[in-house]
Every structure is written in structure tokens, then in C-alpha cells.
Amino acid sequence: MYNNKKVNVVVPAYNEESLIVKTLSSIPDFVEKIIVVNDFSSDRTRKLVDEFKGEDKRVILLNNNKNYGAGYSIKRGYKKSFELKPDITVVMAGD
């Protein structure tokens, strides 16, 4: 919670293995849920996020079944966030 507001973060990610863990680690503790949308990465992005989920239970990982692009991934993340009924949803790039 931040100022009595439930905050979620959407993180679109495509081939972000070099920075995704650092990005997720930098998200403040007041954030309720972190929704990572893996846009069919061909590197270890998915694996690294899966591992990170074990350390941070706020993380929700959505995996696209093909590469749709950043706009689609952001939209998909917003839809998931909307289901969770936050007061605020923001987007943070995977890198």
C-alpha cells in the first residue's frame, strides 16, 4: 500500500535476461503485485522470472504463446491487474 492505495506494477519483458532480476528487485515493497508479461522471449527471461517468483510472492508471470509486441503485453498485464482490483496500476519496462 502507498498512501492507502493498492498499487500493482506491469512489467512487459522480451529477452531481458540481463536485467529482469535487477528490475524486479528494484520494485518497492509497497507494491502489491508485480505482473510480468513475458512476450515469448527466446532467452532465459522466463526461467529467471520463475526463479524470482520463489523469492518474491508478489510476482505473477504471464507468458505469451508468441511474440505480440510491447503494446499487447502491456494491455494483457493491465487486464490481469484490473482483475485484482488495485487503486493504481503502473508500467515499468523489463530493462
C-alpha atoms as a PDB file:
ATOM      1  CA  MET A   1       0.000   0.000   0.000  1.00  0.00           C
ATOM      2  CA  TYR A   2       1.064   3.533  -0.742  1.00  0.00           C
ATOM      3  CA  ASN A   3      -0.975   6.309   0.892  1.00  0.00           C
ATOM      4  CA  ASN A   4      -3.724   3.729   1.491  1.00  0.00           C
ATOM      5  CA  LYS A   5      -3.749   2.814  -2.212  1.00  0.00           C
ATOM      6  CA  LYS A   6      -3.184  -0.681  -3.577  1.00  0.00           C
ATOM      7  CA  VAL A   7      -0.513  -0.430  -6.298  1.00  0.00           C
ATOM      8  CA  ASN A   8       0.306  -3.003  -8.989  1.00  0.00           C
ATOM      9  CA  VAL A   9       3.159  -2.897 -11.493  1.00  0.00           C
ATOM     10  CA  VAL A  10       3.023  -4.363 -15.013  1.00  0.00           C
ATOM     11  CA  VAL A  11       6.397  -5.359 -16.452  1.00  0.00           C
ATOM     12  CA  PRO A  12       6.427  -6.244 -20.170  1.00  0.00           C
ATOM     13  CA  ALA A  13       9.534  -8.306 -20.913  1.00  0.00           C
ATOM     14  CA  TYR A  14      11.123  -9.585 -24.091  1.00  0.00           C
ATOM     15  CA  ASN A  15      14.628 -11.093 -23.979  1.00  0.00           C
ATOM     16  CA  GLU A  16      15.528  -9.265 -20.776  1.00  0.00           C
ATOM     17  CA  GLU A  17      17.667 -11.941 -19.127  1.00  0.00           C
ATOM     18  CA  SER A  18      20.477  -9.491 -18.399  1.00  0.00           C
ATOM     19  CA  LEU A  19      18.307  -7.025 -16.454  1.00  0.00           C
ATOM     20  CA  ILE A  20      14.990  -8.604 -15.427  1.00  0.00           C
ATOM     21  CA  VAL A  21      16.097  -9.735 -11.955  1.00  0.00           C
ATOM     22  CA  LYS A  22      17.643  -6.338 -11.213  1.00  0.00           C
ATOM     23  CA  THR A  23      14.438  -4.646 -12.401  1.00  0.00           C
ATOM     24  CA  LEU A  24      12.167  -6.844 -10.292  1.00  0.00           C
ATOM     25  CA  SER A  25      14.426  -6.453  -7.263  1.00  0.00           C
ATOM     26  CA  SER A  26      14.176  -2.676  -7.539  1.00  0.00           C
ATOM     27  CA  ILE A  27      10.379  -2.557  -7.215  1.00  0.00           C
ATOM     28  CA  PRO A  28       9.434  -1.062  -3.826  1.00  0.00           C
ATOM     29  CA  ASP A  29       7.892  -3.143  -1.060  1.00  0.00           C
ATOM     30  CA  PHE A  30       4.672  -1.116  -1.065  1.00  0.00           C
ATOM     31  CA  VAL A  31       3.741  -2.607  -4.458  1.00  0.00           C
ATOM     32  CA  GLU A  32       1.029  -5.248  -4.006  1.00  0.00           C
ATOM     33  CA  LYS A  33       1.506  -7.314  -7.207  1.00  0.00           C
ATOM     34  CA  ILE A  34       4.144  -7.401  -9.933  1.00  0.00           C
ATOM     35  CA  ILE A  35       2.713  -8.717 -13.187  1.00  0.00           C
ATOM     36  CA  VAL A  36       5.441  -9.776 -15.604  1.00  0.00           C
ATOM     37  CA  VAL A  37       4.295 -10.434 -19.157  1.00  0.00           C
ATOM     38  CA  ASN A  38       6.937 -12.489 -20.943  1.00  0.00           C
ATOM     39  CA  ASP A  39       6.489 -11.814 -24.662  1.00  0.00           C
ATOM     40  CA  PHE A  40       7.749 -15.201 -25.894  1.00  0.00           C
ATOM     41  CA  SER A  41      11.386 -14.499 -25.038  1.00  0.00           C
ATOM     42  CA  SER A  42      13.971 -16.738 -26.669  1.00  0.00           C
ATOM     43  CA  ASP A  43      16.480 -16.245 -23.847  1.00  0.00           C
ATOM     44  CA  ARG A  44      16.271 -17.133 -20.126  1.00  0.00           C
ATOM     45  CA  THR A  45      13.811 -14.377 -19.168  1.00  0.00           C
ATOM     46  CA  ARG A  46      11.014 -16.819 -18.332  1.00  0.00           C
ATOM     47  CA  LYS A  47      13.284 -19.073 -16.261  1.00  0.00           C
ATOM     48  CA  LEU A  48      14.742 -16.158 -14.313  1.00  0.00           C
ATOM     49  CA  VAL A  49      11.305 -14.732 -13.519  1.00  0.00           C
ATOM     50  CA  ASP A  50      10.099 -18.188 -12.457  1.00  0.00           C
ATOM     51  CA  GLU A  51      13.071 -18.441 -10.080  1.00  0.00           C
ATOM     52  CA  PHE A  52      12.483 -14.926  -8.769  1.00  0.00           C
ATOM     53  CA  LYS A  53       8.839 -15.793  -8.025  1.00  0.00           C
ATOM     54  CA  GLY A  54      10.128 -18.225  -5.415  1.00  0.00           C
ATOM     55  CA  GLU A  55      11.749 -15.313  -3.577  1.00  0.00           C
ATOM     56  CA  ASP A  56       9.003 -12.739  -4.089  1.00  0.00           C
ATOM     57  CA  LYS A  57       5.400 -13.945  -3.827  1.00  0.00           C
ATOM     58  CA  ARG A  58       4.097 -10.677  -5.319  1.00  0.00           C
ATOM     59  CA  VAL A  59       5.190 -11.788  -8.792  1.00  0.00           C
ATOM     60  CA  ILE A  60       2.656 -13.111 -11.282  1.00  0.00           C
ATOM     61  CA  LEU A  61       4.124 -14.396 -14.565  1.00  0.00           C
ATOM     62  CA  LEU A  62       2.062 -14.402 -17.751  1.00  0.00           C
ATOM     63  CA  ASN A  63       3.647 -16.000 -20.830  1.00  0.00           C
ATOM     64  CA  ASN A  64       2.553 -15.067 -24.341  1.00  0.00           C
ATOM     65  CA  ASN A  65       2.361 -18.015 -26.753  1.00  0.00           C
ATOM     66  CA  LYS A  66       4.086 -15.952 -29.465  1.00  0.00           C
ATOM     67  CA  ASN A  67       5.782 -12.566 -29.719  1.00  0.00           C
ATOM     68  CA  TYR A  68       2.989  -9.983 -29.848  1.00  0.00           C
ATOM     69  CA  GLY A  69       4.965  -6.852 -29.004  1.00  0.00           C
ATOM     70  CA  ALA A  70       5.104  -4.431 -26.109  1.00  0.00           C
ATOM     71  CA  GLY A  71       1.645  -2.904 -26.621  1.00  0.00           C
ATOM     72  CA  TYR A  72      -0.125  -6.248 -26.430  1.00  0.00           C
ATOM     73  CA  SER A  73       1.924  -7.297 -23.412  1.00  0.00           C
ATOM     74  CA  ILE A  74       1.125  -4.086 -21.561  1.00  0.00           C
ATOM     75  CA  LYS A  75      -2.568  -4.472 -22.381  1.00  0.00           C
ATOM     76  CA  ARG A  76      -2.529  -8.079 -21.154  1.00  0.00           C
ATOM     77  CA  GLY A  77      -0.810  -7.006 -17.945  1.00  0.00           C
ATOM     78  CA  TYR A  78      -3.363  -4.239 -17.369  1.00  0.00           C
ATOM     79  CA  LYS A  79      -6.206  -6.728 -17.842  1.00  0.00           C
ATOM     80  CA  LYS A  80      -4.713  -9.030 -15.210  1.00  0.00           C
ATOM     81  CA  SER A  81      -4.132  -6.125 -12.857  1.00  0.00           C
ATOM     82  CA  PHE A  82      -7.736  -4.958 -13.329  1.00  0.00           C
ATOM     83  CA  GLU A  83      -8.936  -8.412 -12.192  1.00  0.00           C
ATOM     84  CA  LEU A  84      -7.014  -7.891  -8.933  1.00  0.00           C
ATOM     85  CA  LYS A  85      -8.794  -4.563  -8.285  1.00  0.00           C
ATOM     86  CA  PRO A  86      -5.903  -2.222  -7.459  1.00  0.00           C
ATOM     87  CA  ASP A  87      -6.294   1.504  -6.979  1.00  0.00           C
ATOM     88  CA  ILE A  88      -3.282   2.234  -9.206  1.00  0.00           C
ATOM     89  CA  THR A  89      -1.506   0.284 -11.957  1.00  0.00           C
ATOM     90  CA  VAL A  90       1.767   1.459 -13.456  1.00  0.00           C
ATOM     91  CA  VAL A  91       4.048   0.084 -16.167  1.00  0.00           C
ATOM     92  CA  MET A  92       7.763  -0.460 -15.663  1.00  0.00           C
ATOM     93  CA  ALA A  93       9.949  -1.659 -18.532  1.00  0.00           C
ATOM     94  CA  GLY A  94      11.671  -5.004 -18.053  1.00  0.00           C
ATOM     95  CA  ASP A  95      15.052  -3.362 -18.536  1.00  0.00           C
END
